[in-house]
Amino acid sequence: MTETTIIRFENVSKQFDDTTILDNVSFEIERGKFYTLLGPSGCGKTTILRLIAGFIEPTKGTIYINDKKVNKVPANERQVNTVFQDYALFPHLNVYENVAFGLRIKKMKKNVIDEKVKEALKFVNLEGYENREITEMSGGQRQRVAIARAIVNEPEVILLDEPLSALDLKLRTEMQYELRELQRRLGITFIFVTHDQEEALAMSDEIFVINKGKIQQSGTPTDIYDEPINRFVADFIGESNIIKGKMMKDFLVEFAGKQFECVDQGLNENEAVEIVIRPEDLEISVKEKANLHVRVDSQLFRGVHYEICCFDELGNEWLVHSTKKAEIGQEIGLRFDPEAIHVMRLGETEEEFDKRLESYDEVSQ
């Protein structure tokens, strides 16, 4: 555990009756970063949040906060505050009283409470709203009140359980920027739960991709998007073309009936693999310069690009994002660079995957 580590899970499992929600999960959270727990409903991400907060205890394993074991430490004794999905504000109290609630429980002096509440409301751009009733606030304003109530207690970690899910798209996008900027200003560790991959990519320093109670992959948004470890991550983080292939040798892979140069190495010769190429990395090209020849099956206009679905001669489906318009039934060429090809090893663990990537760096150096 490093000096910058604030939270650590060691082989943590959680069961409810005979159902395993978390399965032998280990990770570390560093101070001052914005983390996102990303995954589908029921994957275990909210359970991790509740374990950190102290609302539930692990079935197995150990949880540390500031290098102190906290398995049995109650929620009110942890330097952690939670912003819930429904904000959990008191409708009968105004903005000031909602934010001051935790400070009154601690029996702080009135002048200290006044100073802290005003400072917290200033941080979330709600100065002058002290006497506003909660029922008179918009969804975005209520969220900011909930965050002010969390930060006024000066926690070391703020946990956010899908706090943007109830907002409309435009407000949701605005609040993503506000939350990220707020985290940077405060310098507090944020742990954010969402099932929205675009939200995770836009806001996070690091992402934990979770499925069926296990962390599939962790890393920066760029790392996870560009180098997914398996089919689940590749499919869940953005849109992907995923097809079966064979690693012929270092830097040469076979798929769609052809062999292509790639940047991957360290796999066995003739090893079965899966290939990922992102739709935006496929360029519509004249057939003479194309890597693949395909026939357009359908096309949708998405505002900034066309989403084109097509099939190659072997029946593999390809999704293309292009500013160029195609015609349904038209035969077109698709071109891509070796760097656009990402090779996924079947059954590779994250530790094995990281070692393979490190070997690439060593060779390039």
Protein backbone atom coordinates (compact mmCIF):
# COMPACT_ATOMS: atom_id res chain seq x y z
CA MET A 1 0.00 0.00 0.00
CA THR A 2 1.51 3.34 -1.08
CA GLU A 3 1.29 6.67 0.74
CA THR A 4 -1.22 7.89 -1.84
CA THR A 5 -3.56 4.91 -1.33
CA ILE A 6 -6.68 5.77 0.66
CA ILE A 7 -8.87 2.67 0.14
CA ARG A 8 -7.82 -0.92 -0.39
CA PHE A 9 -9.88 -4.07 -0.94
CA GLU A 10 -8.12 -7.39 -0.32
CA ASN A 11 -9.93 -10.48 -1.67
CA VAL A 12 -13.35 -9.09 -0.77
CA SER A 13 -16.45 -11.18 -1.44
CA LYS A 14 -20.07 -10.44 -0.62
CA GLN A 15 -22.92 -12.91 -0.57
CA PHE A 16 -26.63 -12.43 0.06
CA ASP A 17 -28.13 -15.80 0.98
CA ASP A 18 -26.72 -18.16 -1.67
CA THR A 19 -26.06 -15.44 -4.25
CA THR A 20 -22.51 -14.15 -4.76
CA ILE A 21 -22.59 -10.41 -5.55
CA LEU A 22 -18.83 -9.78 -5.33
CA ASP A 23 -16.28 -12.50 -5.96
CA ASN A 24 -12.76 -12.12 -4.51
CA VAL A 25 -12.29 -8.47 -5.51
CA SER A 26 -9.01 -6.63 -4.87
CA PHE A 27 -8.09 -3.05 -5.82
CA GLU A 28 -6.59 0.20 -4.53
CA ILE A 29 -7.98 3.76 -4.65
CA GLU A 30 -5.56 6.70 -4.58
CA ARG A 31 -6.15 10.12 -3.06
CA GLY A 32 -7.45 13.01 -5.11
CA LYS A 33 -8.58 11.06 -8.18
CA PHE A 34 -11.94 10.59 -9.88
CA TYR A 35 -12.77 6.88 -10.08
CA THR A 36 -15.73 5.30 -11.84
CA LEU A 37 -17.22 1.88 -11.16
CA LEU A 38 -18.75 0.93 -14.49
CA GLY A 39 -20.90 -2.04 -15.39
CA PRO A 40 -24.41 -3.32 -16.11
CA SER A 41 -27.17 -3.49 -13.52
CA GLY A 42 -26.55 -6.16 -10.91
CA CYS A 43 -22.79 -6.43 -11.57
CA GLY A 44 -21.78 -5.45 -8.00
CA LYS A 45 -20.72 -1.82 -8.41
CA THR A 46 -23.22 -0.39 -5.89
CA THR A 47 -22.30 -3.19 -3.49
CA ILE A 48 -18.67 -1.97 -3.59
CA LEU A 49 -19.91 1.54 -2.79
CA ARG A 50 -21.98 0.30 0.15
CA LEU A 51 -19.03 -1.70 1.49
CA ILE A 52 -16.80 1.40 1.38
CA ALA A 53 -19.49 3.48 3.09
CA GLY A 54 -19.97 0.90 5.84
CA PHE A 55 -23.65 0.21 5.11
CA ILE A 56 -22.87 -3.51 4.75
CA GLU A 57 -19.98 -5.78 5.77
CA PRO A 58 -18.02 -8.14 3.51
CA THR A 59 -18.65 -11.88 3.71
CA LYS A 60 -14.94 -12.50 3.18
CA GLY A 61 -11.84 -10.37 2.77
CA THR A 62 -10.59 -7.11 4.26
CA ILE A 63 -11.31 -3.44 3.57
CA TYR A 64 -8.79 -0.77 4.56
CA ILE A 65 -9.25 3.01 4.73
CA ASN A 66 -6.05 4.95 5.43
CA ASP A 67 -4.33 1.62 6.12
CA LYS A 68 -6.81 0.84 8.91
CA LYS A 69 -9.03 -2.24 8.76
CA VAL A 70 -12.64 -1.02 8.73
CA ASN A 71 -14.69 -4.21 8.29
CA LYS A 72 -16.53 -3.59 11.57
CA VAL A 73 -16.30 0.23 11.65
CA PRO A 74 -19.81 1.78 11.41
CA ALA A 75 -20.71 4.21 8.62
CA ASN A 76 -20.82 7.29 10.88
CA GLU A 77 -17.20 6.74 11.94
CA ARG A 78 -15.77 6.67 8.40
CA GLN A 79 -14.46 9.78 6.61
CA VAL A 80 -16.78 9.00 3.72
CA ASN A 81 -19.98 10.68 2.49
CA THR A 82 -22.49 9.34 -0.03
CA VAL A 83 -24.57 11.16 -2.65
CA PHE A 84 -27.48 8.85 -3.46
CA GLN A 85 -29.31 8.35 -6.74
CA ASP A 86 -32.41 10.16 -5.42
CA TYR A 87 -30.21 12.67 -3.47
CA ALA A 88 -32.02 11.73 -0.18
CA LEU A 89 -32.67 15.39 0.70
CA PHE A 90 -35.13 16.39 3.41
CA PRO A 91 -38.14 17.99 1.63
CA HIS A 92 -39.34 19.75 4.78
CA LEU A 93 -35.98 21.55 5.24
CA ASN A 94 -34.67 24.41 3.10
CA VAL A 95 -31.29 24.38 1.35
CA TYR A 96 -29.40 25.78 4.34
CA GLU A 97 -30.86 23.27 6.80
CA ASN A 98 -30.22 20.33 4.46
CA VAL A 99 -26.55 21.24 4.12
CA ALA A 100 -26.20 22.05 7.84
CA PHE A 101 -27.88 18.83 8.99
CA GLY A 102 -24.71 16.79 9.56
CA LEU A 103 -22.97 19.70 11.29
CA ARG A 104 -25.88 20.11 13.70
CA ILE A 105 -25.67 16.40 14.53
CA LYS A 106 -22.03 17.04 15.49
CA LYS A 107 -23.25 19.94 17.67
CA MET A 108 -20.99 22.53 16.11
CA LYS A 109 -21.34 26.20 17.04
CA LYS A 110 -23.74 28.29 14.97
CA ASN A 111 -21.07 30.62 13.59
CA VAL A 112 -18.97 27.63 12.49
CA ILE A 113 -22.01 26.05 10.81
CA ASP A 114 -22.82 29.33 9.03
CA GLU A 115 -19.29 29.63 7.69
CA LYS A 116 -19.08 26.00 6.52
CA VAL A 117 -22.52 26.00 4.86
CA LYS A 118 -21.81 29.23 2.96
CA GLU A 119 -18.45 27.89 1.82
CA ALA A 120 -20.00 24.61 0.64
CA LEU A 121 -22.79 26.37 -1.27
CA LYS A 122 -20.23 28.65 -2.89
CA PHE A 123 -18.30 25.61 -4.10
CA VAL A 124 -21.40 24.26 -5.89
CA ASN A 125 -22.50 27.66 -7.26
CA LEU A 126 -25.57 27.97 -5.02
CA GLU A 127 -24.74 31.19 -3.18
CA GLY A 128 -27.95 33.04 -2.25
CA TYR A 129 -30.05 29.86 -2.28
CA GLU A 130 -29.86 29.30 1.48
CA ASN A 131 -33.57 29.92 2.10
CA ARG A 132 -34.86 28.18 -1.03
CA GLU A 133 -37.20 25.23 -0.43
CA ILE A 134 -36.02 21.89 -1.82
CA THR A 135 -39.35 21.46 -3.63
CA GLU A 136 -38.60 24.66 -5.58
CA MET A 137 -35.25 23.39 -6.89
CA SER A 138 -34.53 21.81 -10.28
CA GLY A 139 -32.98 18.36 -10.57
CA GLY A 140 -29.52 19.80 -11.19
CA GLN A 141 -29.82 22.19 -8.24
CA ARG A 142 -30.94 19.37 -5.94
CA GLN A 143 -27.92 17.37 -6.97
CA ARG A 144 -25.65 20.28 -6.07
CA VAL A 145 -27.36 20.61 -2.68
CA ALA A 146 -26.68 16.92 -2.07
CA ILE A 147 -23.02 17.39 -2.99
CA ALA A 148 -22.78 20.48 -0.75
CA ARG A 149 -24.20 18.44 2.12
CA ALA A 150 -21.53 15.80 1.45
CA ILE A 151 -18.51 18.12 1.20
CA VAL A 152 -19.50 20.30 4.18
CA ASN A 153 -18.42 17.44 6.46
CA GLU A 154 -14.95 17.53 4.90
CA PRO A 155 -14.81 13.82 4.00
CA GLU A 156 -11.76 12.21 2.45
CA VAL A 157 -13.92 10.31 -0.04
CA ILE A 158 -17.24 11.14 -1.71
CA LEU A 159 -19.27 8.22 -3.05
CA LEU A 160 -21.75 8.98 -5.84
CA ASP A 161 -24.37 6.33 -6.62
CA GLU A 162 -25.65 7.13 -10.14
CA PRO A 163 -26.54 10.74 -9.17
CA LEU A 164 -27.10 11.82 -12.79
CA SER A 165 -29.49 9.07 -13.85
CA ALA A 166 -32.67 11.08 -13.20
CA LEU A 167 -31.56 14.13 -15.24
CA ASP A 168 -32.39 14.87 -18.86
CA LEU A 169 -29.60 14.48 -21.44
CA LYS A 170 -28.61 18.16 -21.68
CA LEU A 171 -28.53 18.71 -17.91
CA ARG A 172 -26.76 15.40 -17.43
CA THR A 173 -23.97 16.51 -19.78
CA GLU A 174 -23.66 19.87 -17.98
CA MET A 175 -23.48 18.16 -14.59
CA GLN A 176 -20.73 15.82 -15.82
CA TYR A 177 -18.52 18.85 -16.42
CA GLU A 178 -19.58 20.46 -13.12
CA LEU A 179 -18.86 17.32 -11.10
CA ARG A 180 -15.46 16.82 -12.70
CA GLU A 181 -14.49 20.46 -12.13
CA LEU A 182 -15.77 20.32 -8.54
CA GLN A 183 -13.66 17.25 -7.83
CA ARG A 184 -10.56 18.99 -9.19
CA ARG A 185 -11.19 22.10 -7.09
CA LEU A 186 -11.79 20.13 -3.91
CA GLY A 187 -9.00 17.61 -4.41
CA ILE A 188 -11.20 14.97 -2.75
CA THR A 189 -11.35 11.37 -3.98
CA PHE A 190 -14.61 10.77 -5.88
CA ILE A 191 -15.92 7.24 -6.51
CA PHE A 192 -18.72 7.39 -9.05
CA VAL A 193 -21.10 4.55 -9.97
CA THR A 194 -22.68 4.42 -13.42
CA HIS A 195 -23.75 2.03 -16.18
CA ASP A 196 -23.23 4.77 -18.80
CA GLN A 197 -19.92 4.17 -20.59
CA GLU A 198 -19.85 7.63 -22.23
CA GLU A 199 -20.22 9.20 -18.78
CA ALA A 200 -17.36 7.08 -17.44
CA LEU A 201 -15.05 7.92 -20.34
CA ALA A 202 -15.75 11.65 -20.06
CA MET A 203 -15.31 12.07 -16.31
CA SER A 204 -12.81 9.57 -14.94
CA ASP A 205 -9.14 9.46 -14.09
CA GLU A 206 -9.51 5.69 -13.75
CA ILE A 207 -12.29 3.22 -14.50
CA PHE A 208 -13.06 -0.19 -12.99
CA VAL A 209 -15.12 -2.24 -15.46
CA ILE A 210 -17.17 -4.75 -13.48
CA ASN A 211 -19.21 -7.75 -14.59
CA LYS A 212 -20.77 -10.57 -12.58
CA GLY A 213 -19.05 -9.56 -9.35
CA LYS A 214 -15.54 -9.37 -10.80
CA ILE A 215 -13.36 -6.49 -11.99
CA GLN A 216 -12.75 -7.26 -15.64
CA GLN A 217 -10.28 -4.44 -16.25
CA SER A 218 -9.06 -1.23 -14.64
CA GLY A 219 -7.16 1.70 -16.08
CA THR A 220 -7.46 5.13 -17.64
CA PRO A 221 -10.35 5.77 -20.06
CA THR A 222 -7.88 5.80 -22.98
CA ASP A 223 -6.26 2.52 -21.95
CA ILE A 224 -9.57 0.72 -21.57
CA TYR A 225 -11.04 2.08 -24.79
CA ASP A 226 -7.92 1.44 -26.90
CA GLU A 227 -6.80 -1.80 -25.24
CA PRO A 228 -9.83 -3.78 -23.97
CA ILE A 229 -8.85 -7.03 -22.28
CA ASN A 230 -11.78 -9.17 -23.43
CA ARG A 231 -15.01 -9.25 -25.44
CA PHE A 232 -17.15 -7.93 -22.56
CA VAL A 233 -14.99 -4.83 -22.05
CA ALA A 234 -14.65 -4.17 -25.78
CA ASP A 235 -18.40 -4.48 -26.28
CA PHE A 236 -19.40 -2.54 -23.16
CA ILE A 237 -16.98 0.38 -23.65
CA GLY A 238 -18.10 1.97 -26.89
CA GLU A 239 -19.05 0.18 -30.09
CA SER A 240 -16.75 -2.45 -31.53
CA ASN A 241 -16.25 -4.83 -34.40
CA ILE A 242 -15.25 -8.12 -32.76
CA ILE A 243 -14.46 -11.14 -34.91
CA LYS A 244 -12.52 -14.39 -34.53
CA GLY A 245 -8.97 -14.54 -35.77
CA LYS A 246 -5.63 -16.32 -35.56
CA MET A 247 -2.26 -14.91 -34.46
CA MET A 248 0.10 -16.15 -37.17
CA LYS A 249 3.23 -14.76 -35.50
CA ASP A 250 4.37 -11.51 -33.86
CA PHE A 251 2.95 -8.52 -35.75
CA LEU A 252 0.88 -10.67 -38.15
CA VAL A 253 -2.73 -11.71 -37.61
CA GLU A 254 -5.34 -13.44 -39.74
CA PHE A 255 -9.05 -12.64 -39.83
CA ALA A 256 -11.83 -12.27 -42.40
CA GLY A 257 -9.93 -14.69 -44.62
CA LYS A 258 -6.83 -12.48 -44.94
CA GLN A 259 -3.59 -11.72 -43.12
CA PHE A 260 -2.81 -8.23 -41.80
CA GLU A 261 0.13 -6.54 -40.13
CA CYS A 262 -0.60 -5.50 -36.53
CA VAL A 263 1.29 -4.13 -33.51
CA ASP A 264 0.64 -7.07 -31.15
CA GLN A 265 3.25 -9.59 -30.06
CA GLY A 266 4.02 -12.13 -27.36
CA LEU A 267 1.29 -14.60 -28.32
CA ASN A 268 1.75 -18.14 -29.58
CA GLU A 269 1.97 -18.84 -33.28
CA ASN A 270 -1.38 -19.92 -34.74
CA GLU A 271 -3.13 -19.08 -31.45
CA ALA A 272 -6.89 -18.47 -31.67
CA VAL A 273 -7.68 -14.84 -30.76
CA GLU A 274 -10.40 -12.23 -31.06
CA ILE A 275 -9.91 -9.06 -33.08
CA VAL A 276 -11.30 -5.63 -32.18
CA ILE A 277 -11.49 -2.72 -34.61
CA ARG A 278 -13.44 0.38 -33.58
CA PRO A 279 -16.01 1.70 -36.12
CA GLU A 280 -14.31 5.10 -36.29
CA ASP A 281 -11.02 3.42 -37.31
CA LEU A 282 -12.55 2.03 -40.50
CA GLU A 283 -12.18 4.36 -43.48
CA ILE A 284 -14.29 4.06 -46.63
CA SER A 285 -11.82 3.65 -49.48
CA VAL A 286 -11.60 2.75 -53.14
CA LYS A 287 -11.36 -1.00 -53.57
CA GLU A 288 -7.79 -0.90 -54.90
CA LYS A 289 -6.49 0.59 -51.62
CA ALA A 290 -8.86 -1.25 -49.29
CA ASN A 291 -8.06 -3.96 -46.73
CA LEU A 292 -11.57 -5.40 -46.95
CA HIS A 293 -14.40 -5.39 -49.50
CA VAL A 294 -17.90 -5.21 -48.06
CA ARG A 295 -21.50 -4.66 -49.11
CA VAL A 296 -23.60 -1.98 -47.34
CA ASP A 297 -26.64 -3.44 -45.58
CA SER A 298 -28.07 -0.42 -43.70
CA GLN A 299 -27.23 3.17 -42.83
CA LEU A 300 -28.31 5.65 -40.14
CA PHE A 301 -27.45 9.33 -39.83
CA ARG A 302 -26.21 10.11 -36.30
CA GLY A 303 -25.63 13.86 -36.66
CA VAL A 304 -21.84 13.94 -36.63
CA HIS A 305 -21.42 10.78 -38.70
CA TYR A 306 -23.17 8.03 -40.63
CA GLU A 307 -23.48 4.64 -38.93
CA ILE A 308 -23.06 2.10 -41.70
CA CYS A 309 -23.63 -1.64 -41.28
CA CYS A 310 -22.04 -3.88 -43.89
CA PHE A 311 -20.92 -7.49 -44.48
CA ASP A 312 -17.75 -8.95 -46.00
CA GLU A 313 -17.51 -11.94 -48.34
CA LEU A 314 -17.38 -14.40 -45.41
CA GLY A 315 -20.49 -12.95 -43.75
CA ASN A 316 -18.69 -11.01 -41.00
CA GLU A 317 -20.63 -7.92 -39.95
CA TRP A 318 -18.77 -4.58 -39.87
CA LEU A 319 -19.97 -1.35 -38.29
CA VAL A 320 -18.46 1.83 -39.77
CA HIS A 321 -18.65 5.42 -38.49
CA SER A 322 -17.94 7.78 -41.36
CA THR A 323 -18.68 11.32 -42.48
CA LYS A 324 -19.05 9.85 -45.97
CA LYS A 325 -22.47 8.65 -47.04
CA ALA A 326 -22.87 5.23 -48.61
CA GLU A 327 -25.72 3.61 -50.53
CA ILE A 328 -27.55 0.51 -49.37
CA GLY A 329 -26.49 -2.43 -51.52
CA GLN A 330 -23.30 -0.65 -52.63
CA GLU A 331 -19.97 -2.49 -52.58
CA ILE A 332 -17.31 -0.41 -50.83
CA GLY A 333 -13.75 -0.81 -49.61
CA LEU A 334 -12.68 -0.47 -45.98
CA ARG A 335 -9.19 0.58 -45.04
CA PHE A 336 -7.52 0.50 -41.60
CA ASP A 337 -4.02 0.90 -40.18
CA PRO A 338 -2.13 -1.82 -38.25
CA GLU A 339 -2.54 0.31 -35.08
CA ALA A 340 -6.33 0.03 -35.43
CA ILE A 341 -6.19 -3.75 -34.94
CA HIS A 342 -6.39 -4.82 -31.30
CA VAL A 343 -5.74 -8.51 -30.59
CA MET A 344 -7.43 -10.03 -27.54
CA ARG A 345 -6.10 -13.28 -26.10
CA LEU A 346 -8.80 -15.71 -25.02
CA GLY A 347 -9.01 -16.06 -21.22
CA GLU A 348 -6.14 -13.66 -20.51
CA THR A 349 -6.08 -12.19 -16.99
CA GLU A 350 -5.51 -8.48 -16.41
CA GLU A 351 -2.12 -9.21 -14.83
CA GLU A 352 -1.03 -11.25 -17.88
CA PHE A 353 -2.40 -8.57 -20.20
CA ASP A 354 -0.50 -5.79 -18.39
CA LYS A 355 2.76 -7.77 -18.62
CA ARG A 356 2.23 -8.23 -22.36
CA LEU A 357 1.68 -4.49 -22.82
CA GLU A 358 4.80 -3.74 -20.78
CA SER A 359 6.78 -5.98 -23.13
CA TYR A 360 5.62 -3.84 -26.06
CA ASP A 361 7.02 -0.75 -24.33
CA GLU A 362 10.33 -2.47 -23.67
CA VAL A 363 10.68 -3.47 -27.34
CA SER A 364 9.78 0.04 -28.57
CA GLN A 365 12.38 1.56 -26.23
